[in-house]
């Protein structure tokens, strides 16, 4: 499978020029030249799309669902998706944003269990007409806010995104049934869900239960090599790469938002000795944890 498509590359592929920023953009679907089909690739950004007057097939990982009229679609960058129009010309809205746009507060809020952030969630929802009107109003607010010069507009945009996710959570029971997934897709989903459930870390006295590829494989009752192979095929990343990314994201959040000592941060993330955590963090970020924390304090 090809490398991930960036937000800017996605924009340019379909003749949309360049987005307002490399982290977030929003647009009306009918205002751009939308192709009949989008290729089945992974992208490095999240997407929330409201499709109206739509007739087509959405493929997500190895699942397919028929979309008729209105659908609210959540796209996670870990999983490839594609769209094939079968009739008509869909209207609606789409907002795209990268991992850098998503704050730790958003991921740890009640919306953290939404289909946007949980790989095992249901990515396609069919909203009733009253919800469609509410969703349209929220997207209109996003479009309006993008045009302002308000200094804190990206904080406001995050609030609107959070409201969109809440609307999705309210209509989640209306989700469609999917075709059975392959064993590879099921295993990768189980792993990613198991990994996600360990975060955020609640206490420095409660270290992670599963810390490495062998422990995850054992929990899932598969061989480590098999789990690694499946994850590479489905997500493009190894088991260790997924675990490392989660550990670094959580370490950064704890160093920034908690008053835990560096030793406590390392311990809760599975590092029994502080020097091991220091070496791991520096290898991944280029800075030792104490310097990373000091840098954040200076910037604030």
Protein backbone atom coordinates (compact mmCIF):
# COMPACT_ATOMS: atom_id res chain seq x y z
CA UNK A 1 0.00 0.00 0.00
CA UNK A 2 1.27 3.47 -0.84
CA UNK A 3 2.55 5.95 1.73
CA UNK A 4 0.07 8.06 3.65
CA UNK A 5 -1.49 10.98 1.86
CA UNK A 6 -1.09 14.31 3.67
CA UNK A 7 -3.80 16.92 4.09
CA UNK A 8 -2.04 19.23 1.59
CA UNK A 9 -1.57 16.40 -0.94
CA UNK A 10 -5.23 15.46 -0.61
CA UNK A 11 -6.26 19.05 -1.23
CA UNK A 12 -4.02 19.42 -4.28
CA UNK A 13 -4.95 16.02 -5.74
CA UNK A 14 -8.49 17.23 -6.33
CA UNK A 15 -7.64 20.71 -7.57
CA UNK A 16 -8.42 22.54 -4.33
CA UNK A 17 -5.17 24.51 -4.17
CA UNK A 18 -3.71 24.71 -0.68
CA UNK A 19 -5.63 24.51 2.60
CA UNK A 20 -5.81 27.54 4.91
CA UNK A 21 -3.40 25.79 7.27
CA UNK A 22 -1.55 22.48 7.27
CA UNK A 23 -3.46 21.42 10.41
CA UNK A 24 -7.13 22.15 9.70
CA UNK A 25 -9.48 22.92 6.85
CA UNK A 26 -13.22 22.84 6.21
CA UNK A 27 -15.23 23.16 2.98
CA UNK A 28 -18.59 22.57 1.33
CA UNK A 29 -18.50 19.47 -0.81
CA UNK A 30 -20.52 21.08 -3.60
CA UNK A 31 -18.03 23.95 -3.80
CA UNK A 32 -15.21 21.72 -5.03
CA UNK A 33 -14.68 19.35 -7.91
CA UNK A 34 -15.43 16.02 -6.25
CA UNK A 35 -14.40 12.91 -8.19
CA UNK A 36 -16.66 9.91 -8.64
CA UNK A 37 -14.31 7.81 -6.48
CA UNK A 38 -11.61 8.31 -3.86
CA UNK A 39 -8.80 5.71 -3.80
CA UNK A 40 -8.43 3.19 -0.97
CA UNK A 41 -5.44 4.67 0.88
CA UNK A 42 -4.43 5.74 4.39
CA UNK A 43 -4.23 9.44 5.03
CA UNK A 44 -2.36 11.26 7.75
CA UNK A 45 -5.36 13.30 8.90
CA UNK A 46 -8.71 12.86 10.58
CA UNK A 47 -11.87 13.69 8.68
CA UNK A 48 -15.48 14.34 9.63
CA UNK A 49 -17.77 14.42 6.63
CA UNK A 50 -21.50 15.07 6.36
CA UNK A 51 -22.79 13.59 3.11
CA UNK A 52 -26.21 14.65 1.84
CA UNK A 53 -28.03 13.52 -1.31
CA UNK A 54 -25.43 10.77 -1.45
CA UNK A 55 -25.59 7.43 -3.21
CA UNK A 56 -22.48 5.31 -3.07
CA UNK A 57 -20.32 2.72 -1.36
CA UNK A 58 -17.95 3.61 1.46
CA UNK A 59 -15.15 1.10 2.04
CA UNK A 60 -13.41 1.28 5.41
CA UNK A 61 -10.52 -1.14 6.01
CA UNK A 62 -12.11 -4.26 4.48
CA UNK A 63 -15.69 -3.32 5.28
CA UNK A 64 -18.30 -1.84 2.97
CA UNK A 65 -21.50 0.03 3.64
CA UNK A 66 -24.04 1.45 1.22
CA UNK A 67 -24.81 5.14 1.76
CA UNK A 68 -28.18 6.52 0.72
CA UNK A 69 -29.11 10.17 1.21
CA UNK A 70 -27.41 11.39 4.44
CA UNK A 71 -24.47 9.98 6.36
CA UNK A 72 -22.03 11.27 8.96
CA UNK A 73 -18.60 9.76 8.33
CA UNK A 74 -15.63 9.68 10.71
CA UNK A 75 -12.22 8.85 9.25
CA UNK A 76 -9.27 7.80 11.41
CA UNK A 77 -5.79 8.07 9.82
CA UNK A 78 -4.86 4.55 10.95
CA UNK A 79 -7.37 2.89 8.65
CA UNK A 80 -7.62 3.24 4.84
CA UNK A 81 -10.95 4.19 3.31
CA UNK A 82 -12.43 4.90 -0.12
CA UNK A 83 -15.63 6.24 -1.63
CA UNK A 84 -17.37 5.27 -4.86
CA UNK A 85 -20.37 7.24 -6.06
CA UNK A 86 -23.05 5.10 -7.69
CA UNK A 87 -25.49 7.86 -8.67
CA UNK A 88 -26.23 11.57 -8.30
CA UNK A 89 -23.89 14.18 -6.84
CA UNK A 90 -23.45 14.40 -3.08
CA UNK A 91 -23.54 17.68 -1.18
CA UNK A 92 -22.61 18.50 2.41
CA UNK A 93 -19.48 19.42 4.32
CA UNK A 94 -16.08 18.05 5.29
CA UNK A 95 -13.50 19.11 7.84
CA UNK A 96 -9.99 17.69 7.84
CA UNK A 97 -7.42 18.03 10.60
CA UNK A 98 -4.10 16.52 11.60
CA UNK A 99 -2.87 14.98 14.84
CA UNK A 100 -1.27 18.33 15.72
CA UNK A 101 -4.71 19.97 15.75
CA UNK A 102 -6.03 17.43 18.25
CA UNK A 103 -5.21 18.45 21.80
CA UNK A 104 -4.70 15.96 24.62
CA UNK A 105 -7.73 17.50 26.33
CA UNK A 106 -9.91 16.57 23.36
CA UNK A 107 -8.65 12.99 23.31
CA UNK A 108 -9.21 12.53 27.02
CA UNK A 109 -12.66 14.11 27.04
CA UNK A 110 -15.88 12.13 26.79
CA UNK A 111 -15.52 12.13 23.01
CA UNK A 112 -12.40 9.95 23.28
CA UNK A 113 -14.66 6.90 22.81
CA UNK A 114 -16.09 8.26 19.57
CA UNK A 115 -15.59 6.49 16.23
CA UNK A 116 -13.17 9.27 15.31
CA UNK A 117 -10.58 8.18 17.84
CA UNK A 118 -11.41 4.52 18.47
CA UNK A 119 -10.37 2.31 15.58
CA UNK A 120 -12.97 -0.28 16.56
CA UNK A 121 -15.77 2.27 16.45
CA UNK A 122 -18.48 2.64 13.83
CA UNK A 123 -17.30 5.18 11.26
CA UNK A 124 -20.54 5.65 9.29
CA UNK A 125 -23.70 6.94 10.96
CA UNK A 126 -27.11 7.71 9.48
CA UNK A 127 -28.49 10.82 11.22
CA UNK A 128 -32.23 11.55 11.36
CA UNK A 129 -33.42 14.75 9.71
CA UNK A 130 -33.37 16.82 12.91
CA UNK A 131 -29.75 15.83 13.53
CA UNK A 132 -28.82 16.68 9.94
CA UNK A 133 -29.98 20.26 10.49
CA UNK A 134 -27.93 20.51 13.68
CA UNK A 135 -24.84 19.09 11.96
CA UNK A 136 -25.23 21.48 9.02
CA UNK A 137 -25.39 24.43 11.42
CA UNK A 138 -22.18 23.32 13.15
CA UNK A 139 -20.34 22.99 9.85
CA UNK A 140 -21.57 26.44 8.83
CA UNK A 141 -20.08 27.80 12.06
CA UNK A 142 -16.76 26.14 11.23
CA UNK A 143 -16.77 27.76 7.79
CA UNK A 144 -17.63 31.14 9.27
CA UNK A 145 -14.96 30.93 11.97
CA UNK A 146 -12.23 29.97 9.50
CA UNK A 147 -12.67 33.35 7.82
CA UNK A 148 -12.18 35.40 10.98
CA UNK A 149 -8.99 36.90 12.38
CA UNK A 150 -9.90 36.01 15.96
CA UNK A 151 -6.67 35.22 17.80
CA UNK A 152 -8.07 32.11 19.50
CA UNK A 153 -10.13 30.82 16.62
CA UNK A 154 -8.45 27.40 16.56
CA UNK A 155 -9.54 26.80 20.15
CA UNK A 156 -13.05 27.69 19.04
CA UNK A 157 -12.76 25.39 16.02
CA UNK A 158 -11.80 22.53 18.34
CA UNK A 159 -14.94 23.21 20.36
CA UNK A 160 -17.09 22.93 17.23
CA UNK A 161 -15.30 19.71 16.27
CA UNK A 162 -16.07 18.36 19.73
CA UNK A 163 -19.74 19.24 19.25
CA UNK A 164 -19.74 17.38 15.92
CA UNK A 165 -18.34 14.31 17.66
CA UNK A 166 -20.97 14.57 20.40
CA UNK A 167 -23.69 14.66 17.74
CA UNK A 168 -22.16 11.50 16.32
CA UNK A 169 -22.19 9.80 19.71
CA UNK A 170 -25.88 10.65 20.13
CA UNK A 171 -26.84 8.93 16.87
CA UNK A 172 -24.36 6.03 17.14
CA UNK A 173 -27.14 3.45 17.79
CA UNK A 174 -28.35 4.17 14.27
CA UNK A 175 -25.15 2.76 12.79
CA UNK A 176 -25.45 0.30 9.87
CA UNK A 177 -24.40 -3.33 9.89
CA UNK A 178 -21.14 -4.19 8.18
CA UNK A 179 -20.03 -7.08 6.07
CA UNK A 180 -17.90 -9.50 8.12
CA UNK A 181 -14.30 -8.33 8.46
CA UNK A 182 -11.29 -10.49 7.67
CA UNK A 183 -9.32 -12.06 10.50
CA UNK A 184 -6.46 -9.61 9.83
CA UNK A 185 -8.74 -6.58 10.18
CA UNK A 186 -10.34 -8.01 13.32
CA UNK A 187 -6.96 -8.69 14.92
CA UNK A 188 -5.58 -5.24 14.11
CA UNK A 189 -8.75 -3.64 15.49
CA UNK A 190 -8.54 -5.68 18.68
CA UNK A 191 -4.89 -4.68 19.16
CA UNK A 192 -5.51 -0.97 18.56
CA UNK A 193 -8.51 -1.01 20.86
CA UNK A 194 -6.51 -2.82 23.56
CA UNK A 195 -3.72 -0.27 23.19
CA UNK A 196 -6.10 2.71 23.34
CA UNK A 197 -7.82 1.43 26.49
CA UNK A 198 -4.62 1.80 28.51
CA UNK A 199 -4.61 5.58 28.05
CA UNK A 200 -4.75 8.11 29.52
CA UNK A 201 -2.76 6.97 32.56
CA UNK A 202 -4.65 7.93 35.71
CA UNK A 203 -2.03 7.58 38.44
CA UNK A 204 1.76 7.36 38.75
CA UNK A 205 1.19 4.37 41.05
CA UNK A 206 -0.63 2.39 38.36
CA UNK A 207 1.82 1.38 35.61
CA UNK A 208 0.68 0.07 32.25
CA UNK A 209 -0.28 -3.60 32.23
CA UNK A 210 0.78 -4.26 28.62
CA UNK A 211 4.04 -2.62 27.61
CA UNK A 212 5.57 -4.47 24.65
CA UNK A 213 4.72 -6.51 21.57
CA UNK A 214 5.09 -9.88 23.32
CA UNK A 215 2.66 -8.90 26.07
CA UNK A 216 0.05 -7.64 23.59
CA UNK A 217 0.42 -10.78 21.47
CA UNK A 218 0.00 -12.95 24.55
CA UNK A 219 -3.14 -11.08 25.56
CA UNK A 220 -4.55 -11.59 22.05
CA UNK A 221 -3.48 -15.26 21.99
CA UNK A 222 -1.39 -14.95 18.83
CA UNK A 223 2.32 -15.17 18.05
CA UNK A 224 4.23 -11.90 18.20
CA UNK A 225 5.45 -12.28 14.59
CA UNK A 226 1.90 -12.87 13.35
CA UNK A 227 0.58 -9.78 15.14
CA UNK A 228 3.43 -7.71 13.73
CA UNK A 229 2.81 -8.96 10.19
CA UNK A 230 -0.91 -8.26 10.37
CA UNK A 231 -0.41 -4.73 11.72
CA UNK A 232 2.09 -3.93 8.99
CA UNK A 233 -0.36 -5.11 6.33
CA UNK A 234 -3.43 -3.35 7.73
CA UNK A 235 -2.00 -0.16 9.27
CA UNK A 236 1.47 0.18 7.71
CA UNK A 237 3.14 0.21 11.13
CA UNK A 238 4.70 -2.45 13.33
CA UNK A 239 3.47 -3.40 16.79
CA UNK A 240 6.42 -1.63 18.39
CA UNK A 241 5.85 1.53 16.33
CA UNK A 242 2.23 1.74 17.51
CA UNK A 243 3.24 1.21 21.13
CA UNK A 244 6.09 3.71 20.90
CA UNK A 245 3.86 6.43 19.44
CA UNK A 246 1.32 5.97 22.22
CA UNK A 247 3.99 6.02 24.92
CA UNK A 248 5.56 9.20 23.56
CA UNK A 249 2.20 10.96 23.19
CA UNK A 250 1.28 10.07 26.77
CA UNK A 251 4.72 11.01 28.10
CA UNK A 252 4.50 14.43 26.45
CA UNK A 253 1.01 15.00 27.86
CA UNK A 254 2.06 14.01 31.38
CA UNK A 255 5.21 16.14 31.27
CA UNK A 256 3.13 19.10 30.18
CA UNK A 257 -0.08 18.74 32.16
CA UNK A 258 0.86 16.87 35.35
CA UNK A 259 3.11 17.67 38.28
CA UNK A 260 4.43 14.12 38.44
CA UNK A 261 8.17 13.71 38.68
CA UNK A 262 9.99 12.43 35.62
CA UNK A 263 10.67 9.18 37.48
CA UNK A 264 6.92 8.80 38.14
CA UNK A 265 6.08 9.49 34.49
CA UNK A 266 8.58 6.85 33.39
CA UNK A 267 7.38 4.33 35.97
CA UNK A 268 3.70 4.57 35.03
CA UNK A 269 4.64 4.06 31.37
CA UNK A 270 6.46 0.85 32.16
CA UNK A 271 10.03 2.01 32.72
CA UNK A 272 11.25 0.65 36.04
CA UNK A 273 14.41 2.73 35.93
CA UNK A 274 14.45 6.47 35.17
CA UNK A 275 17.59 6.31 32.95
CA UNK A 276 15.79 3.88 30.63
CA UNK A 277 12.86 6.27 30.25
CA UNK A 278 15.21 9.22 29.71
CA UNK A 279 17.06 7.37 26.95
CA UNK A 280 13.82 6.23 25.30
CA UNK A 281 12.28 9.71 25.35
CA UNK A 282 15.41 11.40 24.03
CA UNK A 283 15.75 8.87 21.21
CA UNK A 284 12.18 9.55 20.06
CA UNK A 285 12.05 13.33 20.56
CA UNK A 286 15.64 14.54 20.50
CA UNK A 287 15.34 15.97 24.02
CA UNK A 288 15.61 14.40 27.47
CA UNK A 289 12.31 14.65 29.40
CA UNK A 290 13.50 17.28 31.87
CA UNK A 291 14.60 19.55 29.02
CA UNK A 292 11.31 18.96 27.16
CA UNK A 293 9.37 20.00 30.29
CA UNK A 294 11.57 23.09 30.82
CA UNK A 295 11.05 24.10 27.19
CA UNK A 296 7.28 23.92 27.64
CA UNK A 297 7.48 26.07 30.77
CA UNK A 298 9.48 28.72 28.92
CA UNK A 299 7.03 28.78 26.01
CA UNK A 300 4.07 29.11 28.37
